[in-house]
Amino acid sequence: MKKNNESEILHHMAAWCSLSERCIRDVEKKLADAELPPEASERIITRLVKEKFIDENRFARSFVNDKLHFNKWGKIKIAHELNRRNIPPAIRAEALENIDNQTYRTILLMLLKSKKKTTKGKDERDLFNKLLRFAAGRGFESSESIACLRELFNGNDYENDIDCEGGFE
């Protein structure tokens, strides 16, 4: 961002925040490019929060919804990303609690069905383990993943093959 005065940067940031939900950390990173003094950046952020251009609760709800429905991420990965953006734990927890369990499970099941079609394994157990690792990489809890995989594998349960370290035998 080129150097401007504080008022111009405030208007630019307000316009930028109006385009989509932003968190304080996003705005801080953008303001760092403007090379403003720290107190000027604080004043801009305070004003943006006061005027509701930035709302961490609204951001968290939007972020959770978008990452679940569009990126097909699980709660673990979403929580990690919210933490990286310095969203307070209470706000993260509230946003994640608002996920509908049935929708969450349906998304995971569809994701696993789709991946199962394109994944090869030595046997059914190997395929089960590969799909479990895939779901973990997407940030889904192992208990949810195992429940969905049981459904996909007609009740066969290979979770006993998981060792104590979280790996596979």
N, C-alpha and C. Protein backbone atom coordinates (compact mmCIF):
# COMPACT_ATOMS: atom_id res chain seq x y z
N MET A 1 0.86 -1.18 0.00
CA MET A 1 0.00 0.00 0.00
C MET A 1 0.90 1.23 0.00
N LYS A 2 0.60 2.20 -0.84
CA LYS A 2 1.41 3.40 -0.88
C LYS A 2 1.15 4.25 0.36
N LYS A 3 2.09 5.14 0.65
CA LYS A 3 1.96 5.98 1.83
C LYS A 3 0.88 7.03 1.61
N ASN A 4 -0.06 7.09 2.52
CA ASN A 4 -1.14 8.07 2.51
C ASN A 4 -1.27 8.62 3.93
N ASN A 5 -2.13 9.58 4.07
CA ASN A 5 -2.36 10.05 5.43
C ASN A 5 -3.33 9.11 6.13
N GLU A 6 -3.44 9.27 7.43
CA GLU A 6 -4.24 8.35 8.25
C GLU A 6 -5.70 8.31 7.82
N SER A 7 -6.26 9.46 7.46
CA SER A 7 -7.66 9.53 7.06
C SER A 7 -7.91 8.73 5.77
N GLU A 8 -7.02 8.88 4.81
CA GLU A 8 -7.17 8.14 3.55
C GLU A 8 -7.06 6.64 3.77
N ILE A 9 -6.12 6.26 4.63
CA ILE A 9 -5.94 4.84 4.91
C ILE A 9 -7.16 4.29 5.64
N LEU A 10 -7.73 5.07 6.55
CA LEU A 10 -8.95 4.65 7.25
C LEU A 10 -10.07 4.38 6.25
N HIS A 11 -10.26 5.28 5.31
CA HIS A 11 -11.31 5.09 4.30
C HIS A 11 -11.02 3.88 3.41
N HIS A 12 -9.75 3.71 3.06
CA HIS A 12 -9.36 2.56 2.25
C HIS A 12 -9.64 1.25 3.02
N MET A 13 -9.29 1.22 4.27
CA MET A 13 -9.51 0.03 5.10
C MET A 13 -11.01 -0.24 5.28
N ALA A 14 -11.79 0.80 5.46
CA ALA A 14 -13.25 0.64 5.60
C ALA A 14 -13.83 0.04 4.34
N ALA A 15 -13.38 0.52 3.20
CA ALA A 15 -13.86 -0.02 1.92
C ALA A 15 -13.43 -1.49 1.77
N TRP A 16 -12.21 -1.77 2.14
CA TRP A 16 -11.69 -3.14 2.03
C TRP A 16 -12.47 -4.09 2.96
N CYS A 17 -12.75 -3.63 4.17
CA CYS A 17 -13.51 -4.45 5.12
C CYS A 17 -14.96 -4.63 4.67
N SER A 18 -15.46 -3.72 3.86
CA SER A 18 -16.83 -3.82 3.37
C SER A 18 -16.99 -4.90 2.30
N LEU A 19 -15.90 -5.25 1.65
CA LEU A 19 -15.96 -6.25 0.58
C LEU A 19 -16.23 -7.65 1.10
N SER A 20 -15.61 -8.00 2.22
CA SER A 20 -15.85 -9.30 2.85
C SER A 20 -15.45 -9.20 4.32
N GLU A 21 -15.82 -10.22 5.09
CA GLU A 21 -15.51 -10.20 6.51
C GLU A 21 -14.00 -10.24 6.73
N ARG A 22 -13.53 -9.43 7.63
CA ARG A 22 -12.11 -9.37 7.99
C ARG A 22 -11.99 -9.47 9.50
N CYS A 23 -10.85 -10.00 9.94
CA CYS A 23 -10.56 -10.01 11.36
C CYS A 23 -9.49 -8.94 11.62
N ILE A 24 -9.26 -8.68 12.88
CA ILE A 24 -8.29 -7.64 13.26
C ILE A 24 -6.91 -7.98 12.71
N ARG A 25 -6.54 -9.25 12.76
CA ARG A 25 -5.21 -9.64 12.28
C ARG A 25 -5.04 -9.34 10.80
N ASP A 26 -6.07 -9.58 9.99
CA ASP A 26 -6.00 -9.26 8.56
C ASP A 26 -5.73 -7.77 8.34
N VAL A 27 -6.45 -6.95 9.10
CA VAL A 27 -6.29 -5.50 8.96
C VAL A 27 -4.92 -5.05 9.46
N GLU A 28 -4.45 -5.65 10.54
CA GLU A 28 -3.12 -5.31 11.04
C GLU A 28 -2.05 -5.60 10.00
N LYS A 29 -2.16 -6.73 9.33
CA LYS A 29 -1.18 -7.08 8.29
C LYS A 29 -1.22 -6.08 7.14
N LYS A 30 -2.42 -5.69 6.76
CA LYS A 30 -2.58 -4.73 5.66
C LYS A 30 -2.02 -3.35 6.07
N LEU A 31 -2.30 -2.97 7.32
CA LEU A 31 -1.81 -1.67 7.79
C LEU A 31 -0.28 -1.65 7.94
N ALA A 32 0.31 -2.80 8.20
CA ALA A 32 1.77 -2.87 8.32
C ALA A 32 2.43 -2.46 7.01
N ASP A 33 1.78 -2.76 5.89
CA ASP A 33 2.30 -2.37 4.58
C ASP A 33 2.29 -0.86 4.38
N ALA A 34 1.40 -0.18 5.09
CA ALA A 34 1.27 1.28 4.93
C ALA A 34 2.33 2.03 5.72
N GLU A 35 3.07 1.31 6.54
CA GLU A 35 4.16 1.90 7.33
C GLU A 35 3.69 3.06 8.19
N LEU A 36 2.52 2.88 8.79
CA LEU A 36 2.00 3.88 9.74
C LEU A 36 2.63 3.67 11.10
N PRO A 37 2.67 4.71 11.92
CA PRO A 37 3.12 4.51 13.30
C PRO A 37 2.13 3.58 14.02
N PRO A 38 2.60 2.79 14.97
CA PRO A 38 1.72 1.84 15.66
C PRO A 38 0.47 2.48 16.28
N GLU A 39 0.61 3.69 16.83
CA GLU A 39 -0.56 4.34 17.44
C GLU A 39 -1.61 4.72 16.38
N ALA A 40 -1.17 5.05 15.18
CA ALA A 40 -2.11 5.38 14.10
C ALA A 40 -2.86 4.11 13.67
N SER A 41 -2.14 3.00 13.57
CA SER A 41 -2.78 1.73 13.22
C SER A 41 -3.80 1.35 14.27
N GLU A 42 -3.46 1.53 15.54
CA GLU A 42 -4.39 1.22 16.62
C GLU A 42 -5.65 2.07 16.54
N ARG A 43 -5.48 3.36 16.22
CA ARG A 43 -6.64 4.26 16.10
C ARG A 43 -7.55 3.81 14.95
N ILE A 44 -6.94 3.42 13.84
CA ILE A 44 -7.72 2.97 12.68
C ILE A 44 -8.49 1.70 13.04
N ILE A 45 -7.83 0.74 13.64
CA ILE A 45 -8.49 -0.51 14.01
C ILE A 45 -9.60 -0.26 15.01
N THR A 46 -9.33 0.57 16.00
CA THR A 46 -10.36 0.89 17.01
C THR A 46 -11.58 1.50 16.34
N ARG A 47 -11.37 2.38 15.41
CA ARG A 47 -12.49 3.03 14.72
C ARG A 47 -13.26 2.03 13.85
N LEU A 48 -12.53 1.16 13.16
CA LEU A 48 -13.19 0.15 12.32
C LEU A 48 -14.02 -0.81 13.17
N VAL A 49 -13.53 -1.16 14.34
CA VAL A 49 -14.29 -2.03 15.24
C VAL A 49 -15.51 -1.29 15.77
N LYS A 50 -15.30 -0.05 16.18
CA LYS A 50 -16.40 0.76 16.73
C LYS A 50 -17.52 0.93 15.71
N GLU A 51 -17.16 1.12 14.45
CA GLU A 51 -18.15 1.34 13.40
C GLU A 51 -18.60 0.03 12.74
N LYS A 52 -18.21 -1.09 13.33
CA LYS A 52 -18.64 -2.43 12.90
C LYS A 52 -18.15 -2.85 11.51
N PHE A 53 -17.07 -2.24 11.04
CA PHE A 53 -16.46 -2.74 9.81
C PHE A 53 -15.72 -4.04 10.11
N ILE A 54 -15.23 -4.15 11.34
CA ILE A 54 -14.58 -5.37 11.81
C ILE A 54 -15.39 -5.88 12.99
N ASP A 55 -15.76 -7.15 12.92
CA ASP A 55 -16.48 -7.79 14.02
C ASP A 55 -15.98 -9.23 14.08
N GLU A 56 -15.22 -9.55 15.11
CA GLU A 56 -14.60 -10.87 15.20
C GLU A 56 -15.65 -11.98 15.28
N ASN A 57 -16.77 -11.74 15.96
CA ASN A 57 -17.84 -12.75 16.03
C ASN A 57 -18.41 -13.03 14.64
N ARG A 58 -18.71 -11.97 13.93
CA ARG A 58 -19.27 -12.10 12.59
C ARG A 58 -18.26 -12.79 11.66
N PHE A 59 -16.99 -12.39 11.79
CA PHE A 59 -15.93 -13.00 10.99
C PHE A 59 -15.85 -14.50 11.25
N ALA A 60 -15.85 -14.88 12.52
CA ALA A 60 -15.72 -16.30 12.89
C ALA A 60 -16.89 -17.12 12.34
N ARG A 61 -18.10 -16.61 12.48
CA ARG A 61 -19.27 -17.33 11.95
C ARG A 61 -19.16 -17.50 10.45
N SER A 62 -18.79 -16.45 9.76
CA SER A 62 -18.66 -16.48 8.31
C SER A 62 -17.54 -17.43 7.89
N PHE A 63 -16.42 -17.36 8.58
CA PHE A 63 -15.26 -18.18 8.28
C PHE A 63 -15.61 -19.67 8.43
N VAL A 64 -16.26 -20.00 9.54
CA VAL A 64 -16.65 -21.39 9.80
C VAL A 64 -17.59 -21.88 8.70
N ASN A 65 -18.58 -21.09 8.39
CA ASN A 65 -19.55 -21.48 7.35
C ASN A 65 -18.86 -21.69 6.00
N ASP A 66 -18.03 -20.75 5.60
CA ASP A 66 -17.37 -20.83 4.30
C ASP A 66 -16.42 -22.02 4.22
N LYS A 67 -15.60 -22.22 5.24
CA LYS A 67 -14.62 -23.31 5.21
C LYS A 67 -15.29 -24.68 5.27
N LEU A 68 -16.40 -24.78 5.98
CA LEU A 68 -17.11 -26.05 6.03
C LEU A 68 -17.79 -26.35 4.70
N HIS A 69 -18.55 -25.40 4.19
CA HIS A 69 -19.37 -25.66 3.00
C HIS A 69 -18.60 -25.58 1.68
N PHE A 70 -17.64 -24.68 1.58
CA PHE A 70 -16.94 -24.51 0.31
C PHE A 70 -15.62 -25.29 0.26
N ASN A 71 -14.86 -25.29 1.35
CA ASN A 71 -13.57 -25.97 1.37
C ASN A 71 -13.66 -27.39 1.91
N LYS A 72 -14.80 -27.72 2.54
CA LYS A 72 -15.03 -29.04 3.13
C LYS A 72 -13.98 -29.36 4.20
N TRP A 73 -13.76 -28.39 5.08
CA TRP A 73 -12.83 -28.58 6.19
C TRP A 73 -13.59 -29.06 7.41
N GLY A 74 -12.90 -29.81 8.26
CA GLY A 74 -13.46 -30.26 9.53
C GLY A 74 -13.23 -29.23 10.63
N LYS A 75 -13.83 -29.49 11.78
CA LYS A 75 -13.76 -28.57 12.91
C LYS A 75 -12.34 -28.34 13.40
N ILE A 76 -11.51 -29.37 13.38
CA ILE A 76 -10.13 -29.23 13.88
C ILE A 76 -9.35 -28.24 13.03
N LYS A 77 -9.44 -28.38 11.73
CA LYS A 77 -8.70 -27.49 10.82
C LYS A 77 -9.25 -26.06 10.89
N ILE A 78 -10.56 -25.94 10.96
CA ILE A 78 -11.17 -24.61 11.06
C ILE A 78 -10.73 -23.94 12.36
N ALA A 79 -10.77 -24.67 13.46
CA ALA A 79 -10.36 -24.11 14.76
C ALA A 79 -8.90 -23.67 14.72
N HIS A 80 -8.06 -24.46 14.08
CA HIS A 80 -6.64 -24.11 13.97
C HIS A 80 -6.46 -22.80 13.19
N GLU A 81 -7.17 -22.68 12.09
CA GLU A 81 -7.06 -21.45 11.28
C GLU A 81 -7.59 -20.23 12.02
N LEU A 82 -8.67 -20.40 12.76
CA LEU A 82 -9.19 -19.29 13.57
C LEU A 82 -8.17 -18.89 14.63
N ASN A 83 -7.52 -19.87 15.22
CA ASN A 83 -6.49 -19.60 16.21
C ASN A 83 -5.32 -18.84 15.59
N ARG A 84 -4.93 -19.23 14.38
CA ARG A 84 -3.85 -18.52 13.67
C ARG A 84 -4.20 -17.06 13.42
N ARG A 85 -5.48 -16.77 13.31
CA ARG A 85 -5.92 -15.40 13.07
C ARG A 85 -6.21 -14.66 14.38
N ASN A 86 -5.77 -15.24 15.48
CA ASN A 86 -5.91 -14.63 16.82
C ASN A 86 -7.36 -14.38 17.23
N ILE A 87 -8.26 -15.23 16.80
CA ILE A 87 -9.65 -15.13 17.24
C ILE A 87 -9.71 -15.69 18.65
N PRO A 88 -10.29 -14.98 19.61
CA PRO A 88 -10.34 -15.45 21.00
C PRO A 88 -11.03 -16.81 21.13
N PRO A 89 -10.58 -17.64 22.08
CA PRO A 89 -11.13 -18.99 22.24
C PRO A 89 -12.65 -19.03 22.40
N ALA A 90 -13.22 -18.09 23.14
CA ALA A 90 -14.68 -18.10 23.35
C ALA A 90 -15.42 -17.88 22.03
N ILE A 91 -14.91 -17.01 21.20
CA ILE A 91 -15.54 -16.73 19.90
C ILE A 91 -15.38 -17.94 18.98
N ARG A 92 -14.18 -18.56 19.00
CA ARG A 92 -13.96 -19.77 18.19
C ARG A 92 -14.94 -20.86 18.59
N ALA A 93 -15.04 -21.10 19.89
CA ALA A 93 -15.91 -22.16 20.39
C ALA A 93 -17.36 -21.91 20.01
N GLU A 94 -17.81 -20.68 20.16
CA GLU A 94 -19.20 -20.35 19.82
C GLU A 94 -19.47 -20.58 18.34
N ALA A 95 -18.55 -20.14 17.49
CA ALA A 95 -18.73 -20.30 16.04
C ALA A 95 -18.76 -21.77 15.65
N LEU A 96 -17.92 -22.58 16.26
CA LEU A 96 -17.87 -24.01 15.94
C LEU A 96 -19.09 -24.75 16.49
N GLU A 97 -19.62 -24.29 17.61
CA GLU A 97 -20.82 -24.92 18.18
C GLU A 97 -22.04 -24.72 17.30
N ASN A 98 -22.03 -23.69 16.49
CA ASN A 98 -23.17 -23.40 15.62
C ASN A 98 -23.24 -24.29 14.38
N ILE A 99 -22.24 -25.16 14.21
CA ILE A 99 -22.27 -26.09 13.07
C ILE A 99 -23.34 -27.14 13.34
N ASP A 100 -24.22 -27.32 12.38
CA ASP A 100 -25.25 -28.35 12.49
C ASP A 100 -24.60 -29.72 12.33
N ASN A 101 -24.79 -30.59 13.33
CA ASN A 101 -24.14 -31.90 13.33
C ASN A 101 -24.53 -32.75 12.13
N GLN A 102 -25.79 -32.69 11.73
CA GLN A 102 -26.25 -33.49 10.59
C GLN A 102 -25.59 -33.00 9.29
N THR A 103 -25.50 -31.70 9.12
CA THR A 103 -24.85 -31.13 7.93
C THR A 103 -23.38 -31.50 7.92
N TYR A 104 -22.75 -31.40 9.07
CA TYR A 104 -21.32 -31.72 9.21
C TYR A 104 -21.06 -33.17 8.80
N ARG A 105 -21.88 -34.05 9.32
CA ARG A 105 -21.71 -35.48 9.02
C ARG A 105 -21.99 -35.77 7.54
N THR A 106 -22.99 -35.11 6.98
CA THR A 106 -23.31 -35.29 5.56
C THR A 106 -22.16 -34.85 4.67
N ILE A 107 -21.55 -33.73 5.00
CA ILE A 107 -20.40 -33.23 4.23
C ILE A 107 -19.25 -34.22 4.30
N LEU A 108 -18.96 -34.72 5.50
CA LEU A 108 -17.87 -35.69 5.67
C LEU A 108 -18.17 -36.97 4.90
N LEU A 109 -19.39 -37.45 4.98
CA LEU A 109 -19.76 -38.68 4.29
C LEU A 109 -19.64 -38.53 2.77
N MET A 110 -20.12 -37.41 2.24
CA MET A 110 -20.01 -37.16 0.80
C MET A 110 -18.54 -37.08 0.38
N LEU A 111 -17.73 -36.42 1.18
CA LEU A 111 -16.30 -36.29 0.90
C LEU A 111 -15.62 -37.66 0.88
N LEU A 112 -15.94 -38.49 1.86
CA LEU A 112 -15.34 -39.83 1.93
C LEU A 112 -15.83 -40.73 0.79
N LYS A 113 -17.11 -40.64 0.44
CA LYS A 113 -17.64 -41.43 -0.69
C LYS A 113 -16.91 -41.08 -1.97
N SER A 114 -16.74 -39.79 -2.19
CA SER A 114 -16.07 -39.31 -3.39
C SER A 114 -14.61 -39.78 -3.42
N LYS A 115 -13.92 -39.66 -2.29
CA LYS A 115 -12.52 -40.05 -2.22
C LYS A 115 -12.36 -41.56 -2.36
N LYS A 116 -13.32 -42.31 -1.85
CA LYS A 116 -13.26 -43.78 -1.91
C LYS A 116 -13.25 -44.26 -3.37
N LYS A 117 -13.97 -43.56 -4.23
CA LYS A 117 -14.05 -43.94 -5.64
C LYS A 117 -12.70 -43.83 -6.35
N THR A 118 -11.85 -42.91 -5.88
CA THR A 118 -10.59 -42.64 -6.56
C THR A 118 -9.36 -43.15 -5.81
N THR A 119 -9.57 -43.81 -4.68
CA THR A 119 -8.45 -44.28 -3.87
C THR A 119 -8.29 -45.78 -3.99
N LYS A 120 -7.07 -46.22 -4.17
CA LYS A 120 -6.77 -47.65 -4.28
C LYS A 120 -6.10 -48.10 -2.98
N GLY A 121 -6.40 -49.33 -2.59
CA GLY A 121 -5.78 -49.92 -1.42
C GLY A 121 -5.52 -51.39 -1.67
N LYS A 122 -4.55 -51.94 -0.90
CA LYS A 122 -4.24 -53.37 -1.05
C LYS A 122 -5.48 -54.21 -0.74
N ASP A 123 -6.20 -53.78 0.26
CA ASP A 123 -7.42 -54.47 0.66
C ASP A 123 -8.34 -53.43 1.29
N GLU A 124 -9.47 -53.90 1.78
CA GLU A 124 -10.46 -52.99 2.35
C GLU A 124 -9.91 -52.26 3.59
N ARG A 125 -9.13 -52.96 4.38
CA ARG A 125 -8.53 -52.37 5.59
C ARG A 125 -7.58 -51.24 5.22
N ASP A 126 -6.76 -51.44 4.21
CA ASP A 126 -5.82 -50.42 3.75
C ASP A 126 -6.58 -49.20 3.23
N LEU A 127 -7.63 -49.44 2.49
CA LEU A 127 -8.46 -48.35 1.98
C LEU A 127 -9.10 -47.57 3.12
N PHE A 128 -9.61 -48.29 4.11
CA PHE A 128 -10.20 -47.66 5.30
C PHE A 128 -9.18 -46.73 5.95
N ASN A 129 -7.96 -47.21 6.14
CA ASN A 129 -6.91 -46.41 6.78
C ASN A 129 -6.53 -45.19 5.95
N LYS A 130 -6.46 -45.36 4.64
CA LYS A 130 -6.14 -44.22 3.77
C LYS A 130 -7.23 -43.15 3.84
N LEU A 131 -8.48 -43.58 3.86
CA LEU A 131 -9.59 -42.62 3.95
C LEU A 131 -9.63 -41.94 5.32
N LEU A 132 -9.26 -42.68 6.35
CA LEU A 132 -9.20 -42.09 7.69
C LEU A 132 -8.12 -41.00 7.74
N ARG A 133 -6.97 -41.28 7.15
CA ARG A 133 -5.90 -40.26 7.10
C ARG A 133 -6.33 -39.06 6.26
N PHE A 134 -7.03 -39.32 5.16
CA PHE A 134 -7.54 -38.23 4.32
C PHE A 134 -8.46 -37.31 5.13
N ALA A 135 -9.39 -37.92 5.88
CA ALA A 135 -10.33 -37.13 6.69
C ALA A 135 -9.58 -36.35 7.77
N ALA A 136 -8.56 -36.95 8.36
CA ALA A 136 -7.77 -36.26 9.37
C ALA A 136 -7.05 -35.07 8.75
N GLY A 137 -6.56 -35.23 7.54
CA GLY A 137 -5.89 -34.12 6.84
C GLY A 137 -6.84 -32.97 6.55
N ARG A 138 -8.09 -33.28 6.38
CA ARG A 138 -9.10 -32.25 6.17
C ARG A 138 -9.58 -31.63 7.49
N GLY A 139 -9.13 -32.19 8.61
CA GLY A 139 -9.47 -31.61 9.90
C GLY A 139 -10.71 -32.18 10.56
N PHE A 140 -11.12 -33.37 10.14
CA PHE A 140 -12.27 -34.00 10.77
C PHE A 140 -11.81 -34.87 11.93
N GLU A 141 -12.61 -34.92 12.98
CA GLU A 141 -12.30 -35.71 14.15
C GLU A 141 -12.31 -37.18 13.78
N SER A 142 -11.41 -37.95 14.40
CA SER A 142 -11.33 -39.37 14.06
C SER A 142 -12.61 -40.11 14.43
N SER A 143 -13.27 -39.73 15.51
CA SER A 143 -14.51 -40.42 15.90
C SER A 143 -15.60 -40.24 14.83
N GLU A 144 -15.74 -39.03 14.32
CA GLU A 144 -16.72 -38.77 13.24
C GLU A 144 -16.32 -39.51 11.97
N SER A 145 -15.03 -39.47 11.67
CA SER A 145 -14.54 -40.12 10.45
C SER A 145 -14.77 -41.62 10.51
N ILE A 146 -14.47 -42.22 11.65
CA ILE A 146 -14.65 -43.67 11.80
C ILE A 146 -16.12 -44.04 11.68
N ALA A 147 -17.00 -43.24 12.28
CA ALA A 147 -18.44 -43.52 12.18
C ALA A 147 -18.90 -43.48 10.73
N CYS A 148 -18.44 -42.49 9.97
CA CYS A 148 -18.82 -42.40 8.56
C CYS A 148 -18.20 -43.54 7.74
N LEU A 149 -16.96 -43.88 8.06
CA LEU A 149 -16.30 -44.97 7.34
C LEU A 149 -16.97 -46.31 7.63
N ARG A 150 -17.44 -46.50 8.84
CA ARG A 150 -18.19 -47.73 9.16
C ARG A 150 -19.40 -47.84 8.25
N GLU A 151 -20.07 -46.71 8.07
CA GLU A 151 -21.24 -46.68 7.20
C GLU A 151 -20.85 -47.03 5.76
N LEU A 152 -19.74 -46.47 5.30
CA LEU A 152 -19.28 -46.73 3.93
C LEU A 152 -18.82 -48.17 3.72
N PHE A 153 -18.24 -48.74 4.76
CA PHE A 153 -17.71 -50.10 4.67
C PHE A 153 -18.68 -51.13 5.24
N ASN A 154 -19.97 -50.81 5.21
CA ASN A 154 -21.03 -51.72 5.64
C ASN A 154 -20.81 -52.30 7.03
N GLY A 155 -20.44 -51.45 7.96
CA GLY A 155 -20.33 -51.90 9.34
C GLY A 155 -18.99 -52.50 9.71
N ASN A 156 -18.11 -52.76 8.73
CA ASN A 156 -16.79 -53.28 9.07
C ASN A 156 -16.01 -52.22 9.82
N ASP A 157 -15.40 -52.62 10.91
CA ASP A 157 -14.72 -51.68 11.79
C ASP A 157 -13.24 -52.01 11.83
N TYR A 158 -12.43 -51.14 11.24
CA TYR A 158 -10.99 -51.35 11.22
C TYR A 158 -10.28 -50.42 12.19
N GLU A 159 -11.04 -49.77 13.08
CA GLU A 159 -10.41 -48.81 13.98
C GLU A 159 -9.48 -49.49 14.98
N ASN A 160 -9.61 -50.78 15.20
CA ASN A 160 -8.71 -51.49 16.10
C ASN A 160 -7.30 -51.58 15.54
N ASP A 161 -7.14 -51.27 14.26
CA ASP A 161 -5.82 -51.30 13.63
C ASP A 161 -5.04 -50.01 13.87
N ILE A 162 -5.66 -49.05 14.55
CA ILE A 162 -5.00 -47.78 14.84
C ILE A 162 -4.21 -47.96 16.12
N ASP A 163 -2.91 -47.65 16.08
CA ASP A 163 -2.12 -47.82 17.29
C ASP A 163 -2.27 -46.61 18.22
N CYS A 164 -1.69 -46.69 19.38
CA CYS A 164 -1.85 -45.65 20.42
C CYS A 164 -1.26 -44.32 20.02
N GLU A 165 -0.31 -44.30 19.12
CA GLU A 165 0.34 -43.05 18.71
C GLU A 165 -0.43 -42.33 17.64
N GLY A 166 -1.58 -42.85 17.22
CA GLY A 166 -2.38 -42.21 16.19
C GLY A 166 -2.01 -42.67 14.80
N GLY A 167 -1.03 -43.55 14.68
CA GLY A 167 -0.64 -44.07 13.39
C GLY A 167 -1.38 -45.36 13.11
N PHE A 168 -0.89 -46.11 12.13
CA PHE A 168 -1.57 -47.33 11.75
C PHE A 168 -0.57 -48.48 11.79
N GLU A 169 -1.06 -49.66 12.14
CA GLU A 169 -0.19 -50.84 12.20
C GLU A 169 -0.03 -51.43 10.81
